[in-house]
Amino acid sequence: MNPIPLLAETPWYAPLLFAFGCALLAMILLRRSFRNFGKLTRGGSGPALLKQHRPTSQWDGAREDATARFNRQQVEMHELAREINGQIDSKLILLQELVAQSDRQIQRLEALLDEAKRSNK
């Protein structure tokens, strides 16, 4: 009895056709991938590579970088100024409250001093 009955029934050219089909498929896929790879590396309009702005002179990129950096620093300075203004305002309110408390204490002490002078006479 044959362990693999299908092997005995297949014609001699079936493995050859299978190998030929695999080779043909590999050639088609390789050719297609090389074509797309060539577009991406030679500056073609491939889907995975985006076009980037290239400076026309030596200083174009430096100016854009400096402008962006300056704008970012300007925003940071405005944020810092807002934060410092908030801190100063809160400390000013606290100082005004302390001055009001001390005025009340002064008036109370003056009233007590006047009362003490009247009681000593």
C-alpha atoms as a PDB file:
ATOM      1  CA  MET A   1       0.000   0.000   0.000  1.00  0.00           C
ATOM      2  CA  ASN A   2       1.296   3.451  -0.950  1.00  0.00           C
ATOM      3  CA  PRO A   3       1.447   5.892   2.028  1.00  0.00           C
ATOM      4  CA  ILE A   4       0.638   8.900  -0.159  1.00  0.00           C
ATOM      5  CA  PRO A   5      -1.816   7.871  -2.832  1.00  0.00           C
ATOM      6  CA  LEU A   6      -2.054  11.355  -4.324  1.00  0.00           C
ATOM      7  CA  LEU A   7       1.659  11.365  -5.158  1.00  0.00           C
ATOM      8  CA  ALA A   8       1.292   8.274  -7.302  1.00  0.00           C
ATOM      9  CA  GLU A   9      -1.590   9.775  -9.263  1.00  0.00           C
ATOM     10  CA  THR A  10       0.008  13.174 -10.076  1.00  0.00           C
ATOM     11  CA  PRO A  11       1.611  13.532 -13.487  1.00  0.00           C
ATOM     12  CA  TRP A  12       5.351  14.204 -13.803  1.00  0.00           C
ATOM     13  CA  TYR A  13       4.888  17.798 -14.968  1.00  0.00           C
ATOM     14  CA  ALA A  14       2.768  18.993 -11.995  1.00  0.00           C
ATOM     15  CA  PRO A  15       5.736  19.879  -9.725  1.00  0.00           C
ATOM     16  CA  LEU A  16       7.413  21.512 -12.702  1.00  0.00           C
ATOM     17  CA  LEU A  17       4.350  23.697 -13.362  1.00  0.00           C
ATOM     18  CA  PHE A  18       4.138  24.591  -9.683  1.00  0.00           C
ATOM     19  CA  ALA A  19       7.817  25.668  -9.617  1.00  0.00           C
ATOM     20  CA  PHE A  20       7.333  27.645 -12.838  1.00  0.00           C
ATOM     21  CA  GLY A  21       4.269  29.421 -11.371  1.00  0.00           C
ATOM     22  CA  CYS A  22       6.155  30.310  -8.174  1.00  0.00           C
ATOM     23  CA  ALA A  23       9.088  31.665 -10.191  1.00  0.00           C
ATOM     24  CA  LEU A  24       6.749  33.734 -12.391  1.00  0.00           C
ATOM     25  CA  LEU A  25       4.958  35.150  -9.346  1.00  0.00           C
ATOM     26  CA  ALA A  26       8.288  36.042  -7.682  1.00  0.00           C
ATOM     27  CA  MET A  27       9.482  37.824 -10.846  1.00  0.00           C
ATOM     28  CA  ILE A  28       6.283  39.855 -11.121  1.00  0.00           C
ATOM     29  CA  LEU A  29       6.397  40.895  -7.466  1.00  0.00           C
ATOM     30  CA  LEU A  30      10.105  41.763  -7.582  1.00  0.00           C
ATOM     31  CA  ARG A  31       9.704  43.813 -10.751  1.00  0.00           C
ATOM     32  CA  ARG A  32       6.828  45.728  -9.214  1.00  0.00           C
ATOM     33  CA  SER A  33       8.675  46.411  -5.974  1.00  0.00           C
ATOM     34  CA  PHE A  34      11.828  47.543  -7.811  1.00  0.00           C
ATOM     35  CA  ARG A  35       9.735  49.919  -9.900  1.00  0.00           C
ATOM     36  CA  ASN A  36       8.195  51.495  -6.776  1.00  0.00           C
ATOM     37  CA  PHE A  37      11.537  51.534  -4.977  1.00  0.00           C
ATOM     38  CA  GLY A  38      13.107  53.385  -7.905  1.00  0.00           C
ATOM     39  CA  LYS A  39      10.400  56.063  -7.766  1.00  0.00           C
ATOM     40  CA  LEU A  40      10.984  56.665  -4.094  1.00  0.00           C
ATOM     41  CA  THR A  41      14.765  56.944  -4.296  1.00  0.00           C
ATOM     42  CA  ARG A  42      15.083  58.881  -7.552  1.00  0.00           C
ATOM     43  CA  GLY A  43      12.822  61.707  -6.447  1.00  0.00           C
ATOM     44  CA  GLY A  44       9.738  60.488  -8.258  1.00  0.00           C
ATOM     45  CA  SER A  45       6.245  61.055  -6.981  1.00  0.00           C
ATOM     46  CA  GLY A  46       5.953  57.912  -4.899  1.00  0.00           C
ATOM     47  CA  PRO A  47       3.161  57.689  -2.344  1.00  0.00           C
ATOM     48  CA  ALA A  48       5.388  57.226   0.723  1.00  0.00           C
ATOM     49  CA  LEU A  49       7.761  60.130   0.148  1.00  0.00           C
ATOM     50  CA  LEU A  50       6.447  63.639   0.772  1.00  0.00           C
ATOM     51  CA  LYS A  51       7.785  66.679  -0.998  1.00  0.00           C
ATOM     52  CA  GLN A  52       9.556  69.097   1.311  1.00  0.00           C
ATOM     53  CA  HIS A  53      10.287  72.770   0.838  1.00  0.00           C
ATOM     54  CA  ARG A  54      13.906  73.287  -0.127  1.00  0.00           C
ATOM     55  CA  PRO A  55      15.441  76.706   0.574  1.00  0.00           C
ATOM     56  CA  THR A  56      16.312  78.651  -2.539  1.00  0.00           C
ATOM     57  CA  SER A  57      19.255  80.359  -0.890  1.00  0.00           C
ATOM     58  CA  GLN A  58      21.545  79.508   1.994  1.00  0.00           C
ATOM     59  CA  TRP A  59      19.686  81.735   4.484  1.00  0.00           C
ATOM     60  CA  ASP A  60      16.045  80.856   3.744  1.00  0.00           C
ATOM     61  CA  GLY A  61      15.900  77.965   6.184  1.00  0.00           C
ATOM     62  CA  ALA A  62      17.833  79.879   8.833  1.00  0.00           C
ATOM     63  CA  ARG A  63      15.420  82.813   8.648  1.00  0.00           C
ATOM     64  CA  GLU A  64      12.389  80.550   9.006  1.00  0.00           C
ATOM     65  CA  ASP A  65      13.996  78.750  11.939  1.00  0.00           C
ATOM     66  CA  ALA A  66      14.943  82.045  13.587  1.00  0.00           C
ATOM     67  CA  THR A  67      11.448  83.454  13.082  1.00  0.00           C
ATOM     68  CA  ALA A  68       9.811  80.366  14.563  1.00  0.00           C
ATOM     69  CA  ARG A  69      12.227  80.387  17.483  1.00  0.00           C
ATOM     70  CA  PHE A  70      11.644  84.099  18.079  1.00  0.00           C
ATOM     71  CA  ASN A  71       7.855  83.640  18.001  1.00  0.00           C
ATOM     72  CA  ARG A  72       8.086  80.723  20.449  1.00  0.00           C
ATOM     73  CA  GLN A  73      10.268  82.760  22.809  1.00  0.00           C
ATOM     74  CA  GLN A  74       7.872  85.691  22.522  1.00  0.00           C
ATOM     75  CA  VAL A  75       4.950  83.460  23.515  1.00  0.00           C
ATOM     76  CA  GLU A  76       6.961  82.108  26.457  1.00  0.00           C
ATOM     77  CA  MET A  77       7.762  85.668  27.550  1.00  0.00           C
ATOM     78  CA  HIS A  78       4.066  86.627  27.437  1.00  0.00           C
ATOM     79  CA  GLU A  79       3.165  83.548  29.491  1.00  0.00           C
ATOM     80  CA  LEU A  80       5.895  84.365  32.011  1.00  0.00           C
ATOM     81  CA  ALA A  81       4.711  87.986  32.224  1.00  0.00           C
ATOM     82  CA  ARG A  82       1.137  86.813  32.902  1.00  0.00           C
ATOM     83  CA  GLU A  83       2.341  84.464  35.613  1.00  0.00           C
ATOM     84  CA  ILE A  84       4.475  87.146  37.269  1.00  0.00           C
ATOM     85  CA  ASN A  85       1.621  89.687  37.074  1.00  0.00           C
ATOM     86  CA  GLY A  86      -0.665  87.179  38.780  1.00  0.00           C
ATOM     87  CA  GLN A  87       1.882  86.608  41.553  1.00  0.00           C
ATOM     88  CA  ILE A  88       2.378  90.353  42.051  1.00  0.00           C
ATOM     89  CA  ASP A  89      -1.386  90.953  42.135  1.00  0.00           C
ATOM     90  CA  SER A  90      -1.928  88.254  44.758  1.00  0.00           C
ATOM     91  CA  LYS A  91       0.919  89.604  46.897  1.00  0.00           C
ATOM     92  CA  LEU A  92      -0.427  93.148  46.538  1.00  0.00           C
ATOM     93  CA  ILE A  93      -3.876  92.035  47.706  1.00  0.00           C
ATOM     94  CA  LEU A  94      -2.286  90.269  50.676  1.00  0.00           C
ATOM     95  CA  LEU A  95      -0.236  93.373  51.508  1.00  0.00           C
ATOM     96  CA  GLN A  96      -3.339  95.589  51.357  1.00  0.00           C
ATOM     97  CA  GLU A  97      -5.149  93.219  53.716  1.00  0.00           C
ATOM     98  CA  LEU A  98      -2.202  93.321  56.155  1.00  0.00           C
ATOM     99  CA  VAL A  99      -2.131  97.129  56.032  1.00  0.00           C
ATOM    100  CA  ALA A 100      -5.888  97.223  56.759  1.00  0.00           C
ATOM    101  CA  GLN A 101      -5.387  94.841  59.709  1.00  0.00           C
ATOM    102  CA  SER A 102      -2.562  96.942  61.089  1.00  0.00           C
ATOM    103  CA  ASP A 103      -4.690 100.122  60.768  1.00  0.00           C
ATOM    104  CA  ARG A 104      -7.442  98.417  62.749  1.00  0.00           C
ATOM    105  CA  GLN A 105      -4.922  97.326  65.395  1.00  0.00           C
ATOM    106  CA  ILE A 106      -3.504 100.873  65.608  1.00  0.00           C
ATOM    107  CA  GLN A 107      -6.977 102.329  66.113  1.00  0.00           C
ATOM    108  CA  ARG A 108      -7.741  99.728  68.770  1.00  0.00           C
ATOM    109  CA  LEU A 109      -4.457 100.421  70.616  1.00  0.00           C
ATOM    110  CA  GLU A 110      -5.038 104.185  70.437  1.00  0.00           C
ATOM    111  CA  ALA A 111      -8.521 103.697  71.866  1.00  0.00           C
ATOM    112  CA  LEU A 112      -7.138 101.530  74.672  1.00  0.00           C
ATOM    113  CA  LEU A 113      -4.373 104.085  75.356  1.00  0.00           C
ATOM    114  CA  ASP A 114      -6.928 106.931  75.547  1.00  0.00           C
ATOM    115  CA  GLU A 115      -9.071 104.856  77.885  1.00  0.00           C
ATOM    116  CA  ALA A 116      -6.063 104.085  80.074  1.00  0.00           C
ATOM    117  CA  LYS A 117      -5.148 107.778  80.255  1.00  0.00           C
ATOM    118  CA  ARG A 118      -8.697 108.716  81.270  1.00  0.00           C
ATOM    119  CA  SER A 119      -8.780 106.067  83.964  1.00  0.00           C
ATOM    120  CA  ASN A 120      -5.403 107.263  85.412  1.00  0.00           C
ATOM    121  CA  LYS A 121      -6.524 110.890  85.783  1.00  0.00           C
END
